[in-house]
């Protein structure tokens, strides 16, 4: 689920028409980043009519044995995503 503070931020009216890139870190994304993106981010993007440049879900922490959180983050995935974002922002004609 997306935390309340995240939802409050995304529903701000002053975000419409802004260049946004949105991501979340989710235990569900460990097994399927696309499913996590579709279930959690896509509905918010559509509901608040945001139109981000990019949005995605990355593997995060998930419950492991004995209830301890298992860290499944992968900084390389986030790095590649950030590089793609920079590339898109650097495209000719992409202005403020």
N, C-alpha and C. Protein backbone atom coordinates (compact mmCIF):
# COMPACT_ATOMS: atom_id res chain seq x y z
N UNK A 1 0.84 -1.18 0.00
CA UNK A 1 0.00 0.00 0.00
C UNK A 1 0.88 1.24 0.00
N UNK A 2 0.33 2.32 -0.48
CA UNK A 2 1.05 3.59 -0.47
C UNK A 2 0.64 4.33 0.80
N UNK A 3 1.62 4.79 1.55
CA UNK A 3 1.34 5.47 2.82
C UNK A 3 0.55 6.75 2.61
N UNK A 4 -0.21 7.11 3.62
CA UNK A 4 -1.08 8.28 3.58
C UNK A 4 -0.31 9.55 3.18
N UNK A 5 0.87 9.75 3.75
CA UNK A 5 1.63 10.96 3.42
C UNK A 5 2.00 11.01 1.94
N UNK A 6 2.29 9.86 1.37
CA UNK A 6 2.58 9.79 -0.06
C UNK A 6 1.36 10.16 -0.89
N UNK A 7 0.21 9.64 -0.51
CA UNK A 7 -1.03 9.97 -1.21
C UNK A 7 -1.36 11.46 -1.06
N UNK A 8 -1.16 11.99 0.14
CA UNK A 8 -1.43 13.42 0.36
C UNK A 8 -0.55 14.27 -0.55
N UNK A 9 0.69 13.89 -0.69
CA UNK A 9 1.59 14.64 -1.55
C UNK A 9 1.13 14.57 -3.01
N UNK A 10 0.78 13.38 -3.48
CA UNK A 10 0.42 13.20 -4.88
C UNK A 10 -0.90 13.90 -5.26
N UNK A 11 -1.77 14.11 -4.31
CA UNK A 11 -3.05 14.73 -4.65
C UNK A 11 -2.99 16.26 -4.65
N UNK A 12 -1.84 16.82 -4.36
CA UNK A 12 -1.70 18.29 -4.39
C UNK A 12 -2.00 18.80 -5.79
N UNK A 13 -2.85 19.79 -5.87
CA UNK A 13 -3.27 20.33 -7.17
C UNK A 13 -2.12 21.00 -7.91
N UNK A 14 -1.13 21.52 -7.19
CA UNK A 14 -0.02 22.20 -7.85
C UNK A 14 0.93 21.23 -8.55
N UNK A 15 0.71 19.93 -8.45
CA UNK A 15 1.55 18.97 -9.15
C UNK A 15 1.09 18.75 -10.59
N UNK A 16 -0.16 19.04 -10.87
CA UNK A 16 -0.67 18.86 -12.24
C UNK A 16 0.15 19.73 -13.19
N UNK A 17 0.57 19.11 -14.28
CA UNK A 17 1.34 19.83 -15.27
C UNK A 17 2.83 19.95 -14.96
N UNK A 18 3.25 19.44 -13.82
CA UNK A 18 4.67 19.48 -13.44
C UNK A 18 5.38 18.24 -13.98
N UNK A 19 6.68 18.38 -14.18
CA UNK A 19 7.51 17.23 -14.56
C UNK A 19 7.75 16.40 -13.31
N UNK A 20 7.19 15.22 -13.29
CA UNK A 20 7.31 14.33 -12.14
C UNK A 20 7.92 13.00 -12.54
N UNK A 21 8.65 12.41 -11.63
CA UNK A 21 9.08 11.03 -11.73
C UNK A 21 8.74 10.42 -10.37
N UNK A 22 8.02 9.32 -10.39
CA UNK A 22 7.52 8.73 -9.15
C UNK A 22 7.97 7.28 -9.07
N UNK A 23 8.42 6.87 -7.88
CA UNK A 23 8.74 5.47 -7.67
C UNK A 23 8.32 5.06 -6.27
N UNK A 24 8.19 3.78 -6.09
CA UNK A 24 7.96 3.25 -4.76
C UNK A 24 8.83 2.03 -4.57
N UNK A 25 9.09 1.74 -3.34
CA UNK A 25 9.86 0.56 -2.97
C UNK A 25 8.88 -0.38 -2.26
N UNK A 26 8.79 -1.60 -2.74
CA UNK A 26 7.75 -2.50 -2.25
C UNK A 26 8.24 -3.93 -2.18
N UNK A 27 7.81 -4.62 -1.14
CA UNK A 27 8.10 -6.05 -1.05
C UNK A 27 7.46 -6.82 -2.18
N UNK A 28 6.29 -6.37 -2.64
CA UNK A 28 5.61 -7.02 -3.75
C UNK A 28 6.43 -6.91 -5.03
N UNK A 29 7.19 -5.83 -5.17
CA UNK A 29 7.97 -5.62 -6.38
C UNK A 29 9.12 -6.61 -6.51
N UNK A 30 9.43 -7.32 -5.44
CA UNK A 30 10.47 -8.34 -5.50
C UNK A 30 10.07 -9.42 -6.51
N UNK A 31 8.82 -9.82 -6.43
CA UNK A 31 8.33 -10.87 -7.32
C UNK A 31 7.85 -10.31 -8.65
N UNK A 32 7.26 -9.11 -8.62
CA UNK A 32 6.76 -8.52 -9.86
C UNK A 32 6.67 -7.01 -9.72
N UNK A 33 7.68 -6.33 -10.22
CA UNK A 33 7.68 -4.87 -10.17
C UNK A 33 6.49 -4.32 -10.97
N UNK A 34 6.19 -4.96 -12.08
CA UNK A 34 5.08 -4.49 -12.92
C UNK A 34 3.74 -4.62 -12.19
N UNK A 35 3.53 -5.71 -11.46
CA UNK A 35 2.30 -5.90 -10.70
C UNK A 35 2.18 -4.84 -9.60
N UNK A 36 3.28 -4.57 -8.93
CA UNK A 36 3.30 -3.56 -7.88
C UNK A 36 3.00 -2.17 -8.46
N UNK A 37 3.60 -1.88 -9.59
CA UNK A 37 3.37 -0.60 -10.27
C UNK A 37 1.90 -0.46 -10.68
N UNK A 38 1.35 -1.53 -11.25
CA UNK A 38 -0.04 -1.51 -11.70
C UNK A 38 -1.01 -1.41 -10.54
N UNK A 39 -0.73 -2.12 -9.45
CA UNK A 39 -1.65 -2.16 -8.32
C UNK A 39 -1.60 -0.88 -7.48
N UNK A 40 -0.42 -0.32 -7.28
CA UNK A 40 -0.28 0.80 -6.35
C UNK A 40 -0.10 2.16 -7.01
N UNK A 41 0.75 2.25 -8.02
CA UNK A 41 1.05 3.57 -8.59
C UNK A 41 0.09 4.00 -9.68
N UNK A 42 -0.21 3.11 -10.60
CA UNK A 42 -1.06 3.48 -11.72
C UNK A 42 -2.40 4.09 -11.28
N UNK A 43 -3.10 3.49 -10.30
CA UNK A 43 -4.36 4.10 -9.86
C UNK A 43 -4.19 5.53 -9.32
N UNK A 44 -3.09 5.79 -8.62
CA UNK A 44 -2.86 7.14 -8.08
C UNK A 44 -2.54 8.12 -9.20
N UNK A 45 -1.72 7.69 -10.14
CA UNK A 45 -1.37 8.55 -11.28
C UNK A 45 -2.63 8.93 -12.05
N UNK A 46 -3.51 7.96 -12.27
CA UNK A 46 -4.75 8.22 -13.00
C UNK A 46 -5.72 9.06 -12.16
N UNK A 47 -5.88 8.71 -10.91
CA UNK A 47 -6.83 9.42 -10.04
C UNK A 47 -6.50 10.90 -9.92
N UNK A 48 -5.20 11.20 -9.76
CA UNK A 48 -4.80 12.60 -9.57
C UNK A 48 -4.33 13.26 -10.87
N UNK A 49 -4.52 12.55 -12.00
CA UNK A 49 -4.22 13.09 -13.33
C UNK A 49 -2.82 13.70 -13.40
N UNK A 50 -1.82 12.89 -13.02
CA UNK A 50 -0.47 13.41 -12.87
C UNK A 50 0.37 13.39 -14.14
N UNK A 51 0.32 12.34 -14.92
CA UNK A 51 1.11 12.27 -16.14
C UNK A 51 2.62 12.38 -15.92
N UNK A 52 3.20 11.54 -15.04
CA UNK A 52 4.63 11.63 -14.79
C UNK A 52 5.46 11.23 -16.01
N UNK A 53 6.68 11.74 -16.04
CA UNK A 53 7.62 11.38 -17.10
C UNK A 53 7.88 9.88 -17.01
N UNK A 54 8.09 9.40 -15.78
CA UNK A 54 8.33 7.99 -15.52
C UNK A 54 7.74 7.65 -14.15
N UNK A 55 7.30 6.42 -14.02
CA UNK A 55 6.96 5.91 -12.69
C UNK A 55 7.22 4.42 -12.68
N UNK A 56 7.67 3.94 -11.52
CA UNK A 56 8.06 2.54 -11.44
C UNK A 56 8.07 2.07 -9.99
N UNK A 57 8.22 0.77 -9.83
CA UNK A 57 8.30 0.15 -8.51
C UNK A 57 9.59 -0.65 -8.44
N UNK A 58 10.27 -0.54 -7.31
CA UNK A 58 11.52 -1.25 -7.09
C UNK A 58 11.35 -2.24 -5.94
N UNK A 59 12.12 -3.33 -5.98
CA UNK A 59 12.10 -4.25 -4.84
C UNK A 59 12.51 -3.53 -3.56
N UNK A 60 11.85 -3.88 -2.47
CA UNK A 60 12.13 -3.25 -1.19
C UNK A 60 12.30 -4.28 -0.10
N UNK A 61 11.75 -3.99 1.04
CA UNK A 61 11.83 -4.93 2.16
C UNK A 61 10.54 -5.74 2.21
N UNK A 62 10.68 -7.01 2.56
CA UNK A 62 9.51 -7.88 2.67
C UNK A 62 9.66 -8.74 3.92
N UNK A 63 8.54 -9.21 4.43
CA UNK A 63 8.61 -10.06 5.62
C UNK A 63 9.40 -11.33 5.33
N UNK A 64 10.29 -11.66 6.23
CA UNK A 64 11.09 -12.87 6.09
C UNK A 64 10.81 -13.84 7.22
N UNK A 65 11.67 -14.81 7.39
CA UNK A 65 11.49 -15.79 8.46
C UNK A 65 11.46 -15.13 9.84
N UNK A 66 10.55 -15.57 10.65
CA UNK A 66 10.44 -15.05 12.01
C UNK A 66 9.90 -13.63 12.07
N UNK A 67 9.31 -13.16 10.98
CA UNK A 67 8.74 -11.81 10.97
C UNK A 67 9.75 -10.70 10.75
N UNK A 68 11.03 -11.04 10.62
CA UNK A 68 12.04 -10.02 10.36
C UNK A 68 11.95 -9.58 8.90
N UNK A 69 12.24 -8.30 8.68
CA UNK A 69 12.22 -7.79 7.32
C UNK A 69 13.47 -8.23 6.57
N UNK A 70 13.24 -8.69 5.37
CA UNK A 70 14.33 -9.11 4.49
C UNK A 70 14.54 -8.00 3.46
N UNK A 71 15.74 -7.47 3.41
CA UNK A 71 16.06 -6.37 2.50
C UNK A 71 16.37 -6.93 1.12
N UNK A 72 15.51 -6.64 0.15
CA UNK A 72 15.70 -7.12 -1.22
C UNK A 72 15.96 -5.96 -2.18
N UNK A 73 16.33 -4.82 -1.63
CA UNK A 73 16.59 -3.67 -2.48
C UNK A 73 17.76 -3.97 -3.42
N UNK A 74 17.74 -3.32 -4.56
CA UNK A 74 18.79 -3.50 -5.55
C UNK A 74 19.18 -2.12 -6.08
N UNK A 75 20.22 -1.53 -5.52
CA UNK A 75 20.62 -0.18 -5.94
C UNK A 75 20.89 -0.07 -7.44
N UNK A 76 21.29 -1.16 -8.06
CA UNK A 76 21.57 -1.12 -9.50
C UNK A 76 20.30 -0.83 -10.31
N UNK A 77 19.19 -1.39 -9.89
CA UNK A 77 17.91 -1.13 -10.58
C UNK A 77 17.57 0.36 -10.47
N UNK A 78 17.72 0.90 -9.27
CA UNK A 78 17.43 2.33 -9.06
C UNK A 78 18.39 3.21 -9.86
N UNK A 79 19.65 2.82 -9.93
CA UNK A 79 20.64 3.59 -10.69
C UNK A 79 20.28 3.64 -12.17
N UNK A 80 19.92 2.48 -12.73
CA UNK A 80 19.54 2.45 -14.16
C UNK A 80 18.30 3.30 -14.42
N UNK A 81 17.34 3.25 -13.50
CA UNK A 81 16.13 4.05 -13.63
C UNK A 81 16.47 5.54 -13.61
N UNK A 82 17.33 5.93 -12.68
CA UNK A 82 17.74 7.33 -12.57
C UNK A 82 18.49 7.78 -13.82
N UNK A 83 19.32 6.91 -14.37
CA UNK A 83 20.03 7.25 -15.61
C UNK A 83 19.06 7.45 -16.77
N UNK A 84 18.05 6.61 -16.85
CA UNK A 84 17.04 6.77 -17.90
C UNK A 84 16.29 8.08 -17.71
N UNK A 85 15.97 8.41 -16.47
CA UNK A 85 15.28 9.67 -16.18
C UNK A 85 16.12 10.86 -16.63
N UNK A 86 17.40 10.85 -16.28
CA UNK A 86 18.30 11.94 -16.70
C UNK A 86 18.34 12.03 -18.22
N UNK A 87 18.39 10.89 -18.88
CA UNK A 87 18.41 10.87 -20.34
C UNK A 87 17.15 11.51 -20.92
N UNK A 88 16.01 11.16 -20.37
CA UNK A 88 14.75 11.74 -20.86
C UNK A 88 14.68 13.25 -20.61
N UNK A 89 15.17 13.67 -19.46
CA UNK A 89 15.16 15.10 -19.13
C UNK A 89 16.14 15.89 -20.00
N UNK A 90 17.13 15.19 -20.53
CA UNK A 90 18.15 15.83 -21.36
C UNK A 90 17.81 15.86 -22.83
N UNK A 91 16.71 15.24 -23.23
CA UNK A 91 16.33 15.19 -24.64
C UNK A 91 16.08 16.59 -25.18
N UNK A 92 16.47 16.80 -26.45
CA UNK A 92 16.19 18.10 -27.08
C UNK A 92 14.69 18.39 -27.05
N UNK A 93 14.36 19.62 -26.74
CA UNK A 93 12.95 20.02 -26.71
C UNK A 93 12.29 19.82 -25.36
N UNK A 94 12.99 19.16 -24.45
CA UNK A 94 12.43 18.95 -23.12
C UNK A 94 12.82 20.16 -22.27
N UNK A 95 11.90 21.06 -22.09
CA UNK A 95 12.22 22.29 -21.36
C UNK A 95 11.36 22.43 -20.12
N UNK A 96 11.72 23.42 -19.32
CA UNK A 96 10.95 23.69 -18.10
C UNK A 96 9.62 24.15 -18.53
